[in-house]
Protein backbone atom coordinates (compact mmCIF):
# COMPACT_ATOMS: atom_id res chain seq x y z
CA MET A 1 -9.33 -2.82 10.03
CA ASP A 2 -5.74 -2.13 9.35
CA LEU A 3 -5.55 -0.97 5.91
CA PHE A 4 -1.75 0.26 5.13
CA TYR A 5 1.68 -0.46 6.30
CA PHE A 6 4.25 2.19 5.76
CA ASP A 7 7.96 0.67 5.66
CA SER A 8 9.88 3.59 6.60
CA THR A 9 13.21 1.86 5.43
CA TYR A 10 12.20 1.79 1.94
CA ALA A 11 9.34 4.45 1.97
CA VAL A 12 6.70 2.34 0.51
CA LEU A 13 3.20 2.18 1.50
CA ALA A 14 1.59 -1.45 1.12
CA CYS A 15 -1.95 -1.86 1.05
CA LEU A 16 -2.50 -4.96 3.64
CA PRO A 17 -5.50 -6.42 2.50
CA CYS A 18 -4.48 -6.92 -1.11
CA GLN A 19 -0.58 -6.58 -0.62
CA TYR A 20 -0.01 -3.95 -3.41
CA ALA A 21 2.19 -1.12 -3.35
CA VAL A 22 0.16 2.36 -3.25
CA VAL A 23 2.01 5.41 -5.03
CA PRO A 24 1.67 8.86 -3.99
CA GLY A 25 -1.66 10.39 -4.80
CA THR A 26 -3.35 7.20 -5.22
CA ILE A 27 -4.62 6.19 -1.78
CA ALA A 28 -8.31 7.47 -2.22
CA SER A 29 -8.85 5.85 -5.59
CA HIS A 30 -7.17 2.52 -4.60
CA LEU A 31 -9.45 2.26 -1.78
CA ARG A 32 -12.41 3.12 -3.76
CA ALA A 33 -11.64 0.83 -6.52
CA HIS A 34 -10.43 -2.13 -4.75
CA HIS A 35 -12.17 -1.95 -1.09
CA LYS A 36 -15.06 0.02 -1.52
CA ASP A 37 -17.20 -2.30 0.52
CA GLU A 38 -14.91 -2.61 3.26
CA VAL A 39 -14.08 1.26 4.08
CA THR A 40 -16.04 4.15 5.08
CA ARG A 41 -15.61 7.67 3.26
CA GLU A 42 -14.17 8.94 6.54
CA GLN A 43 -11.86 6.15 6.88
CA ILE A 44 -10.56 7.06 3.34
CA GLN A 45 -10.24 10.61 4.17
CA TYR A 46 -8.25 9.77 7.18
CA CYS A 47 -5.97 7.70 5.33
CA VAL A 48 -5.20 10.46 2.85
CA LYS A 49 -4.51 13.01 5.27
CA TYR A 50 -2.56 10.82 7.43
CA TYR A 51 -0.09 9.43 4.74
CA ALA A 52 0.20 12.89 3.08
CA THR A 53 2.74 13.68 5.62
CA GLN A 54 4.90 10.72 4.46
CA LEU A 55 7.50 10.60 1.65
CA ILE A 56 6.29 7.69 -0.28
CA GLN A 57 8.42 6.30 -3.11
CA SER A 58 6.88 6.80 -6.87
CA ALA A 59 5.93 3.93 -8.92
CA ALA A 60 9.25 4.20 -11.06
CA VAL A 61 11.32 3.89 -7.66
CA ILE A 62 9.31 0.97 -6.48
CA GLN A 63 9.62 -0.73 -9.46
CA LYS A 64 13.26 -0.88 -9.07
CA LEU A 65 13.43 -1.88 -5.70
CA ARG A 66 14.04 -5.23 -4.29
CA ILE A 67 12.43 -5.48 -1.01
CA PRO A 68 12.76 -8.85 1.13
CA ARG A 69 9.34 -10.32 1.55
CA GLN A 70 9.65 -10.60 5.35
CA THR A 71 9.67 -6.93 5.56
CA SER A 72 5.84 -6.61 5.73
CA PRO A 73 4.59 -7.43 9.17
CA ARG A 74 2.03 -9.85 7.35
CA SER A 75 4.46 -11.39 4.99
CA GLU A 76 3.90 -14.74 5.98
CA GLU A 77 -0.05 -14.32 5.36
CA ARG A 78 0.64 -13.12 1.92
CA ARG A 79 -1.48 -14.94 -0.84
CA VAL A 80 0.80 -16.80 -3.10
CA GLY A 81 0.96 -15.31 -6.63
CA LYS A 82 -0.39 -12.10 -5.78
CA GLU A 83 1.99 -9.04 -6.55
CA CYS A 84 1.66 -5.71 -7.44
CA PRO A 85 0.95 -5.33 -11.03
CA ARG A 86 3.17 -2.22 -11.29
CA CYS A 87 6.07 -4.49 -10.07
CA VAL A 88 5.62 -7.58 -12.19
């Protein structure tokens, strides 16, 4: 299962299953809270380690960004009305 998409242009990490932006330091807690039945502990550890090297924007910066919807590789599959609660 693809869990995240990192957009290097905007330095935003998006959770693919729920289409939420995930901010630095919240990858593990996001996966445990929203996808606990879908991911293993090893997958969580891998994601945390893998994305630790990426410069991901903070919540304050992400809230100010206006990213075109077509940026995500799954934008056409995005569920209508589902947006990042930090950006609404």
